Amino acid sequence: MNLIGKIFTVLILIMSIIFMSFAMMVFATHRNWKTTAQKLQTDLATANTANKDLKDALEREKTDLAREQAARKAALAALQVRVTSAEQRLSAKEKELADLTAAHSQATETAKVAQDRLAVLEKETSDLRNTLRTERQKLDKMFINVVDLTDKLNQAESLRQNLDEVNKQAVQEISRMKIVLDRNGLTPDSLVAHIPPKVDGVVLEANDKDLIEISIGSDDGLKVGHSLDVYRGNTYLGRIIVKKTNPDRAVGQVKKELQRGQIKKGDRVTTRFS
């Protein structure tokens, strides 16, 4: 029971005593006043004693109430101090949380930048690996080509040495042949001048004097005295002897003893049959 309840209890007790006194006074009007007065005095003394006890109890209750209020004030002050301290700690924690949030945001941004940079570096690394692989393949091919070329170079060097040896022998042989030709008054062309080159041509003109003009001349290697065969399809017509040459034309005379048919414009001439 709290203090207010105790006060109401005491007040109720006092009021009960007062009403009881009034009731006794009313009852005394029908009795002996002396006895009633004595009894009232006795009751009043009892009531005074009870009132004094009640006052003492009230004072004790007030004292207890003051002590309780003081204790509560002290507890409230302590709680206020604790609340203030808690608010300060809360403010410090909020500041710490804000700092941590800012640090986390900065760390997140830094991590994102680092992640983007890592992705770029990974792509560059991949590109470099592909380039390195491609270059390595090229180097392997180049190495194979170098080995192949080295082999060919060695073969060519060996062939060159052989050709040098052959060339030396040919020079010596030519020197000996030149000595023989000089002793006999001959030239290098005198032995092969009568052999015509392997050429083909067309009869451009043919007349009644057994002379024909053909489409090949000195630029093709023909010389006066060379012989060519004339044919039409698979038919052999005869042979001519070159009497005159120009760079791109020549004139030949038909050998009567070898003629097998009439030679006409458009017939073919060749040295392959000679």
Protein backbone atom coordinates (compact mmCIF):
# COMPACT_ATOMS: atom_id res chain seq x y z
CA MET A 1 0.00 0.00 0.00
CA ASN A 2 1.37 3.42 -0.91
CA LEU A 3 1.33 6.59 1.14
CA ILE A 4 -1.95 8.00 -0.21
CA GLY A 5 -3.74 4.74 0.56
CA LYS A 6 -2.42 4.82 4.09
CA ILE A 7 -3.61 8.43 4.53
CA PHE A 8 -7.08 7.55 3.26
CA THR A 9 -7.16 4.59 5.69
CA VAL A 10 -6.29 6.86 8.64
CA LEU A 11 -8.91 9.43 7.55
CA ILE A 12 -11.54 6.71 7.28
CA LEU A 13 -10.58 5.50 10.76
CA ILE A 14 -10.87 9.06 12.18
CA MET A 15 -14.22 9.63 10.49
CA SER A 16 -15.43 6.29 11.85
CA ILE A 17 -14.46 7.35 15.32
CA ILE A 18 -16.20 10.71 14.90
CA PHE A 19 -19.38 9.09 13.62
CA MET A 20 -19.20 6.60 16.46
CA SER A 21 -18.92 9.52 18.90
CA PHE A 22 -21.97 11.19 17.41
CA ALA A 23 -23.82 7.93 17.61
CA MET A 24 -22.87 7.57 21.27
CA MET A 25 -23.97 11.15 21.97
CA VAL A 26 -27.29 10.51 20.34
CA PHE A 27 -27.62 7.31 22.35
CA ALA A 28 -26.70 9.18 25.55
CA THR A 29 -29.76 11.43 25.30
CA HIS A 30 -31.83 8.43 26.29
CA ARG A 31 -29.55 7.41 29.18
CA ASN A 32 -27.93 8.72 32.25
CA TRP A 33 -25.95 11.79 31.28
CA LYS A 34 -23.32 11.28 33.93
CA THR A 35 -22.65 7.76 32.94
CA THR A 36 -22.80 8.83 29.40
CA ALA A 37 -20.43 11.73 30.06
CA GLN A 38 -17.97 9.48 31.85
CA LYS A 39 -18.20 7.02 29.08
CA LEU A 40 -17.81 9.82 26.56
CA GLN A 41 -14.77 11.08 28.46
CA THR A 42 -13.37 7.62 28.44
CA ASP A 43 -14.17 7.25 24.74
CA LEU A 44 -12.75 10.70 24.08
CA ALA A 45 -9.55 9.79 25.88
CA THR A 46 -9.44 6.59 23.92
CA ALA A 47 -10.15 8.54 20.76
CA ASN A 48 -7.45 11.10 21.66
CA THR A 49 -5.05 8.29 22.30
CA ALA A 50 -6.03 6.69 19.01
CA ASN A 51 -5.81 10.10 17.30
CA LYS A 52 -2.36 10.64 18.79
CA ASP A 53 -1.34 7.19 17.62
CA LEU A 54 -2.79 7.97 14.24
CA LYS A 55 -0.92 11.29 14.13
CA ASP A 56 2.24 9.52 15.13
CA ALA A 57 1.55 6.97 12.45
CA LEU A 58 0.86 9.82 10.02
CA GLU A 59 4.14 11.50 10.95
CA ARG A 60 5.92 8.21 10.50
CA GLU A 61 4.22 7.78 7.16
CA LYS A 62 5.19 11.35 6.18
CA THR A 63 8.76 10.62 7.26
CA ASP A 64 8.71 7.38 5.29
CA LEU A 65 7.17 9.27 2.40
CA ALA A 66 9.90 11.94 2.56
CA ARG A 67 12.55 9.27 2.76
CA GLU A 68 10.93 7.44 -0.15
CA GLN A 69 10.65 10.68 -2.13
CA ALA A 70 14.29 11.48 -1.37
CA ALA A 71 15.28 7.98 -2.40
CA ARG A 72 13.20 8.29 -5.52
CA LYS A 73 14.71 11.69 -6.27
CA ALA A 74 18.16 10.18 -5.78
CA ALA A 75 17.18 7.23 -7.95
CA LEU A 76 15.68 9.60 -10.51
CA ALA A 77 18.85 11.70 -10.44
CA ALA A 78 20.90 8.55 -10.85
CA LEU A 79 18.62 7.47 -13.68
CA GLN A 80 18.92 10.93 -15.22
CA VAL A 81 22.69 10.65 -15.00
CA ARG A 82 22.52 7.19 -16.53
CA VAL A 83 20.17 8.50 -19.25
CA THR A 84 22.54 11.40 -19.95
CA SER A 85 25.46 8.99 -20.04
CA ALA A 86 23.47 6.64 -22.26
CA GLU A 87 22.54 9.54 -24.54
CA GLN A 88 26.18 10.55 -24.73
CA ARG A 89 27.19 6.97 -25.49
CA LEU A 90 24.35 6.76 -28.02
CA SER A 91 25.53 9.99 -29.65
CA ALA A 92 29.08 8.64 -29.72
CA LYS A 93 27.84 5.35 -31.19
CA GLU A 94 25.75 7.23 -33.77
CA LYS A 95 28.81 9.28 -34.72
CA GLU A 96 30.85 6.07 -34.85
CA LEU A 97 28.11 4.47 -36.97
CA ALA A 98 28.10 7.50 -39.30
CA ASP A 99 31.89 7.31 -39.57
CA LEU A 100 31.70 3.57 -40.21
CA THR A 101 28.93 4.12 -42.79
CA ALA A 102 31.02 6.77 -44.55
CA ALA A 103 34.08 4.51 -44.37
CA HIS A 104 31.98 1.61 -45.68
CA SER A 105 30.67 3.77 -48.54
CA GLN A 106 34.19 4.90 -49.36
CA ALA A 107 35.45 1.33 -49.10
CA THR A 108 32.57 0.17 -51.34
CA GLU A 109 33.40 2.85 -53.91
CA THR A 110 37.09 1.97 -53.68
CA ALA A 111 36.23 -1.72 -54.05
CA LYS A 112 34.04 -0.93 -57.09
CA VAL A 113 36.85 1.10 -58.66
CA ALA A 114 39.31 -1.68 -57.85
CA GLN A 115 36.90 -4.26 -59.29
CA ASP A 116 36.49 -2.23 -62.49
CA ARG A 117 40.26 -1.82 -62.70
CA LEU A 118 40.66 -5.55 -62.07
CA ALA A 119 38.21 -6.30 -64.89
CA VAL A 120 40.18 -3.98 -67.21
CA LEU A 121 43.45 -5.60 -66.15
CA GLU A 122 41.98 -9.07 -66.64
CA LYS A 123 40.84 -8.09 -70.14
CA GLU A 124 44.26 -6.59 -70.90
CA THR A 125 45.90 -9.73 -69.52
CA SER A 126 43.64 -11.90 -71.68
CA ASP A 127 44.43 -9.77 -74.73
CA LEU A 128 48.13 -9.94 -73.94
CA ARG A 129 47.91 -13.71 -73.53
CA ASN A 130 46.13 -14.01 -76.88
CA THR A 131 48.70 -11.70 -78.47
CA LEU A 132 51.51 -13.65 -76.85
CA ARG A 133 49.97 -16.91 -78.06
CA THR A 134 49.61 -15.49 -81.57
CA GLU A 135 53.15 -14.12 -81.53
CA ARG A 136 54.43 -17.43 -80.18
CA GLN A 137 52.66 -19.26 -83.00
CA LYS A 138 54.17 -16.79 -85.47
CA LEU A 139 57.59 -17.31 -83.90
CA ASP A 140 57.12 -21.07 -84.12
CA LYS A 141 56.20 -20.74 -87.79
CA MET A 142 59.10 -18.37 -88.36
CA PHE A 143 61.41 -20.78 -86.56
CA ILE A 144 60.16 -23.62 -88.77
CA ASN A 145 60.63 -21.36 -91.80
CA VAL A 146 64.11 -20.45 -90.59
CA VAL A 147 64.95 -24.13 -90.14
CA ASP A 148 63.50 -24.89 -93.59
CA LEU A 149 65.33 -21.93 -95.13
CA THR A 150 68.51 -22.98 -93.34
CA ASP A 151 68.16 -26.44 -94.82
CA LYS A 152 67.47 -24.94 -98.23
CA LEU A 153 70.39 -22.57 -97.76
CA ASN A 154 72.63 -25.46 -96.87
CA GLN A 155 71.36 -27.35 -99.90
CA ALA A 156 71.81 -24.25 -102.04
CA GLU A 157 75.28 -23.77 -100.64
CA SER A 158 76.07 -27.37 -101.41
CA LEU A 159 74.57 -26.92 -104.89
CA ARG A 160 76.53 -23.68 -105.31
CA GLN A 161 79.72 -25.45 -104.41
CA ASN A 162 78.85 -28.18 -106.92
CA LEU A 163 77.97 -25.57 -109.53
CA ASP A 164 81.20 -23.72 -108.81
CA GLU A 165 83.05 -26.93 -109.39
CA VAL A 166 81.06 -27.58 -112.57
CA ASN A 167 81.60 -23.95 -113.61
CA LYS A 168 85.34 -24.34 -113.12
CA GLN A 169 85.30 -27.49 -115.20
CA ALA A 170 83.11 -25.76 -117.84
CA VAL A 171 85.47 -22.78 -117.93
CA GLN A 172 88.37 -25.10 -118.39
CA GLU A 173 86.47 -27.01 -121.06
CA ILE A 174 85.47 -23.77 -122.83
CA SER A 175 89.05 -22.61 -122.67
CA ARG A 176 90.18 -25.84 -124.30
CA MET A 177 87.38 -25.61 -126.90
CA LYS A 178 88.26 -21.98 -127.68
CA ILE A 179 91.86 -23.01 -128.23
CA VAL A 180 90.70 -25.73 -130.64
CA LEU A 181 88.35 -23.30 -132.48
CA ASP A 182 91.05 -20.67 -132.74
CA ARG A 183 93.52 -23.20 -134.15
CA ASN A 184 90.96 -24.24 -136.81
CA GLY A 185 89.75 -20.72 -137.62
CA LEU A 186 86.19 -21.37 -136.38
CA THR A 187 83.68 -19.34 -134.30
CA PRO A 188 81.24 -20.66 -131.67
CA ASP A 189 78.24 -19.98 -133.95
CA SER A 190 79.70 -21.59 -137.03
CA LEU A 191 78.89 -25.08 -135.83
CA VAL A 192 75.20 -24.44 -134.94
CA ALA A 193 74.28 -21.56 -137.24
CA HIS A 194 72.46 -23.92 -139.61
CA ILE A 195 70.13 -25.22 -136.85
CA PRO A 196 66.87 -23.17 -136.73
CA PRO A 197 65.15 -22.38 -133.41
CA LYS A 198 61.96 -24.16 -132.40
CA VAL A 199 59.31 -21.73 -133.72
CA ASP A 200 55.89 -21.80 -135.40
CA GLY A 201 54.37 -19.28 -137.80
CA VAL A 202 51.78 -18.63 -140.52
CA VAL A 203 52.10 -18.12 -144.27
CA LEU A 204 51.25 -14.47 -144.95
CA GLU A 205 51.67 -14.42 -148.76
CA ALA A 206 52.40 -17.00 -151.50
CA ASN A 207 53.22 -16.21 -155.21
CA ASP A 208 53.90 -18.11 -158.38
CA LYS A 209 57.72 -17.74 -158.09
CA ASP A 210 57.85 -20.27 -155.22
CA LEU A 211 58.48 -17.46 -152.68
CA ILE A 212 56.34 -17.18 -149.56
CA GLU A 213 56.24 -14.66 -146.72
CA ILE A 214 55.89 -15.95 -143.16
CA SER A 215 54.95 -14.28 -139.83
CA ILE A 216 58.21 -14.94 -137.93
CA GLY A 217 61.59 -13.29 -138.44
CA SER A 218 65.00 -12.47 -136.96
CA ASP A 219 63.51 -11.53 -133.58
CA ASP A 220 62.36 -15.15 -133.34
CA GLY A 221 65.88 -16.41 -134.12
CA LEU A 222 65.51 -17.14 -137.82
CA LYS A 223 68.52 -16.65 -140.06
CA VAL A 224 69.11 -16.92 -143.79
CA GLY A 225 69.56 -20.57 -144.69
CA HIS A 226 67.27 -21.99 -142.02
CA SER A 227 64.68 -24.46 -143.29
CA LEU A 228 61.02 -24.73 -142.16
CA ASP A 229 58.31 -27.24 -143.00
CA VAL A 230 54.87 -26.18 -144.26
CA TYR A 231 51.65 -28.04 -143.42
CA ARG A 232 47.91 -27.61 -143.47
CA GLY A 233 46.12 -29.51 -140.71
CA ASN A 234 47.64 -33.00 -140.87
CA THR A 235 48.82 -32.60 -144.51
CA TYR A 236 52.51 -32.02 -145.18
CA LEU A 237 52.97 -29.50 -148.01
CA GLY A 238 56.75 -29.15 -148.34
CA ARG A 239 59.86 -27.29 -147.08
CA ILE A 240 61.14 -23.75 -147.54
CA ILE A 241 64.60 -22.21 -147.19
CA VAL A 242 64.82 -18.73 -145.58
CA LYS A 243 66.24 -16.24 -148.10
CA LYS A 244 65.58 -12.95 -146.28
CA THR A 245 64.72 -11.96 -142.68
CA ASN A 246 63.14 -8.93 -141.01
CA PRO A 247 62.53 -8.52 -137.26
CA ASP A 248 58.97 -9.88 -137.46
CA ARG A 249 58.83 -11.44 -140.97
CA ALA A 250 60.85 -13.60 -143.33
CA VAL A 251 60.81 -14.71 -146.97
CA GLY A 252 61.46 -18.32 -147.91
CA GLN A 253 61.79 -20.30 -151.16
CA VAL A 254 59.99 -23.59 -151.66
CA LYS A 255 62.21 -26.62 -152.36
CA LYS A 256 60.60 -28.18 -155.40
CA GLU A 257 61.89 -31.66 -154.76
CA LEU A 258 60.15 -31.77 -151.33
CA GLN A 259 56.88 -30.04 -152.27
CA ARG A 260 53.78 -32.18 -151.71
CA GLY A 261 51.03 -29.64 -152.45
CA GLN A 262 50.15 -26.05 -153.28
CA ILE A 263 51.14 -23.68 -150.46
CA LYS A 264 48.54 -21.01 -149.71
CA LYS A 265 48.04 -18.07 -147.38
CA GLY A 266 47.13 -19.25 -143.86
CA ASP A 267 49.15 -22.47 -144.00
CA ARG A 268 51.31 -23.20 -140.97
CA VAL A 269 55.16 -23.26 -140.87
CA THR A 270 57.34 -24.85 -138.19
CA THR A 271 60.91 -25.90 -137.47
CA ARG A 272 59.88 -28.91 -135.37
CA PHE A 273 59.82 -31.24 -138.34
CA SER A 274 63.32 -30.20 -139.52
